[in-house]
Amino acid sequence: MSEQQVPVFQIQRVYMKEASLEQPNSPAILLVQEQPSVDIQLGVGAEQVADGIYEVSVTATVQTKIQDKTVFLAEVKQAGIFEIRNLPDEQMGPIMGIACPQIVYPYLRGNIADVITRAGFPPVHLSEINFQSMYEQQQAQAEQEAAAA
């Protein structure tokens, strides 16, 4: 195998790309003794930023409410820059949708818990995610939408 054909997969950097926290109903909502509901949304994104260099991000949005009033809304986008070269095209989807998010996600979990704790709330611990299952569901959904079109 020549030097050009050797597969390359390297982490260049993992970083917090965005973070926001809103408490639109404080301080009044903090005096309510009711247990808030918690809604957690996750998203994965990937884009090529240079030849063989990709940014993969995982975003978590955590919203807590008491009745219809928001207690807090926290969003953190954690990203990683990866060098990926000489891989077959059919492997790129799983690498970007499974392997890279699995590397970035633990940093996201820590940062979301930290942001929420620093805001004065008990930490929200995101559960482990099966990115393979999530990726396969997205692929199946995309195939269904393509077939319906």
Protein backbone atom coordinates (compact mmCIF):
# COMPACT_ATOMS: atom_id res chain seq x y z
CA MET A 1 0.00 0.00 0.00
CA SER A 2 1.38 3.38 -0.91
CA GLU A 3 1.48 6.30 1.51
CA GLN A 4 -1.50 7.88 -0.28
CA GLN A 5 -3.82 4.92 0.41
CA VAL A 6 -3.36 4.58 4.17
CA PRO A 7 -6.63 5.37 5.97
CA VAL A 8 -6.36 8.31 8.38
CA PHE A 9 -8.68 9.07 11.30
CA GLN A 10 -7.33 11.58 13.81
CA ILE A 11 -8.90 13.94 16.32
CA GLN A 12 -7.47 17.43 15.80
CA ARG A 13 -9.42 19.22 18.54
CA VAL A 14 -12.59 18.99 20.65
CA TYR A 15 -14.14 22.28 21.76
CA MET A 16 -17.32 23.93 23.01
CA LYS A 17 -18.62 25.87 20.01
CA GLU A 18 -21.68 27.50 21.60
CA ALA A 19 -23.33 27.72 25.00
CA SER A 20 -26.39 29.61 26.13
CA LEU A 21 -28.57 29.68 29.20
CA GLU A 22 -31.79 31.57 29.71
CA GLN A 23 -33.90 31.99 32.85
CA PRO A 24 -36.73 34.15 31.48
CA ASN A 25 -39.02 33.79 34.51
CA SER A 26 -36.49 34.21 37.33
CA PRO A 27 -36.66 35.00 40.16
CA ALA A 28 -40.42 34.38 40.56
CA ILE A 29 -40.33 30.85 39.08
CA LEU A 30 -37.62 29.86 41.59
CA LEU A 31 -40.10 30.30 44.43
CA VAL A 32 -42.53 27.73 42.98
CA GLN A 33 -42.27 24.41 44.83
CA GLU A 34 -43.60 22.28 41.97
CA GLN A 35 -41.31 19.76 40.24
CA PRO A 36 -40.42 20.95 36.72
CA SER A 37 -40.76 18.85 33.57
CA VAL A 38 -37.55 18.32 31.62
CA ASP A 39 -37.30 18.10 27.84
CA ILE A 40 -33.99 17.14 26.23
CA GLN A 41 -33.31 17.35 22.49
CA LEU A 42 -30.13 16.17 20.77
CA GLY A 43 -28.81 16.92 17.31
CA VAL A 44 -25.77 15.86 15.31
CA GLY A 45 -24.21 17.86 12.48
CA ALA A 46 -21.20 17.39 10.23
CA GLU A 47 -19.52 19.48 7.57
CA GLN A 48 -16.31 19.43 5.61
CA VAL A 49 -14.14 22.45 6.46
CA ALA A 50 -11.09 21.65 4.32
CA ASP A 51 -9.71 18.78 2.27
CA GLY A 52 -9.90 15.74 4.58
CA ILE A 53 -10.87 17.91 7.58
CA TYR A 54 -14.38 17.71 9.06
CA GLU A 55 -16.20 19.37 11.92
CA VAL A 56 -18.71 17.15 13.71
CA SER A 57 -20.96 18.70 16.34
CA VAL A 58 -23.43 17.40 18.89
CA THR A 59 -25.98 19.85 20.32
CA ALA A 60 -28.05 19.34 23.46
CA THR A 61 -31.01 21.54 24.33
CA VAL A 62 -32.41 21.14 27.85
CA GLN A 63 -35.61 22.95 28.74
CA THR A 64 -37.32 22.74 32.11
CA LYS A 65 -40.83 24.05 32.68
CA ILE A 66 -43.31 24.39 35.49
CA GLN A 67 -46.73 24.30 33.85
CA ASP A 68 -46.22 26.51 30.78
CA LYS A 69 -43.45 28.70 32.21
CA THR A 70 -39.79 28.06 31.43
CA VAL A 71 -37.54 27.60 34.44
CA PHE A 72 -34.40 27.47 32.30
CA LEU A 73 -33.35 26.74 28.75
CA ALA A 74 -29.77 25.58 28.24
CA GLU A 75 -28.14 24.77 24.92
CA VAL A 76 -24.59 23.61 24.35
CA LYS A 77 -22.98 22.74 21.02
CA GLN A 78 -19.84 20.66 21.38
CA ALA A 79 -17.73 20.12 18.28
CA GLY A 80 -14.68 18.25 17.15
CA ILE A 81 -12.35 18.66 14.21
CA PHE A 82 -11.34 15.36 12.65
CA GLU A 83 -8.88 14.50 9.93
CA ILE A 84 -10.42 11.71 7.86
CA ARG A 85 -8.71 10.56 4.67
CA ASN A 86 -8.61 7.57 2.33
CA LEU A 87 -11.77 5.91 3.61
CA PRO A 88 -14.34 4.37 1.25
CA ASP A 89 -17.41 6.58 0.73
CA GLU A 90 -19.71 3.99 2.32
CA GLN A 91 -17.73 4.29 5.59
CA MET A 92 -17.91 8.09 5.77
CA GLY A 93 -21.57 8.22 6.88
CA PRO A 94 -21.08 5.89 9.85
CA ILE A 95 -17.81 7.62 10.81
CA MET A 96 -19.50 11.06 10.80
CA GLY A 97 -22.78 9.87 12.32
CA ILE A 98 -21.53 7.36 14.89
CA ALA A 99 -17.78 7.37 15.63
CA CYS A 100 -17.19 11.14 15.77
CA PRO A 101 -20.30 11.96 17.86
CA GLN A 102 -19.31 9.22 20.34
CA ILE A 103 -15.98 11.01 20.84
CA VAL A 104 -17.55 14.48 21.23
CA TYR A 105 -20.55 13.49 23.39
CA PRO A 106 -18.80 12.95 26.76
CA TYR A 107 -17.47 16.53 26.59
CA LEU A 108 -20.99 17.77 25.82
CA ARG A 109 -22.42 15.87 28.80
CA GLY A 110 -19.92 17.48 31.16
CA ASN A 111 -20.40 20.96 29.78
CA ILE A 112 -24.21 20.89 29.87
CA ALA A 113 -24.15 19.68 33.50
CA ASP A 114 -21.60 22.41 34.35
CA VAL A 115 -23.58 25.23 32.71
CA ILE A 116 -26.78 24.20 34.50
CA THR A 117 -25.02 23.81 37.86
CA ARG A 118 -23.32 27.21 37.54
CA ALA A 119 -26.78 28.71 36.94
CA GLY A 120 -27.78 27.50 40.41
CA PHE A 121 -29.79 24.41 39.46
CA PRO A 122 -29.22 20.74 40.18
CA PRO A 123 -27.19 19.27 37.31
CA VAL A 124 -28.97 17.52 34.47
CA HIS A 125 -27.02 14.41 33.54
CA LEU A 126 -27.56 13.38 29.95
CA SER A 127 -27.85 9.62 29.56
CA GLU A 128 -25.59 7.58 27.34
CA ILE A 129 -26.63 7.66 23.69
CA ASN A 130 -26.46 4.81 21.19
CA PHE A 131 -25.31 6.83 18.19
CA GLN A 132 -25.39 3.73 15.98
CA SER A 133 -29.10 3.25 16.66
CA MET A 134 -29.74 6.98 16.18
CA TYR A 135 -27.83 6.95 12.86
CA GLU A 136 -29.69 3.87 11.61
CA GLN A 137 -33.06 5.48 12.46
CA GLN A 138 -32.08 8.64 10.55
CA GLN A 139 -30.99 6.55 7.54
CA ALA A 140 -34.25 4.57 7.55
CA GLN A 141 -36.26 7.79 7.80
CA ALA A 142 -34.32 9.34 4.91
CA GLU A 143 -34.95 6.22 2.79
CA GLN A 144 -38.69 6.36 3.55
CA GLU A 145 -38.85 10.04 2.62
CA ALA A 146 -36.94 9.40 -0.61
CA ALA A 147 -39.30 6.54 -1.51
CA ALA A 148 -42.37 8.72 -0.80
CA ALA A 149 -41.09 11.58 -3.01
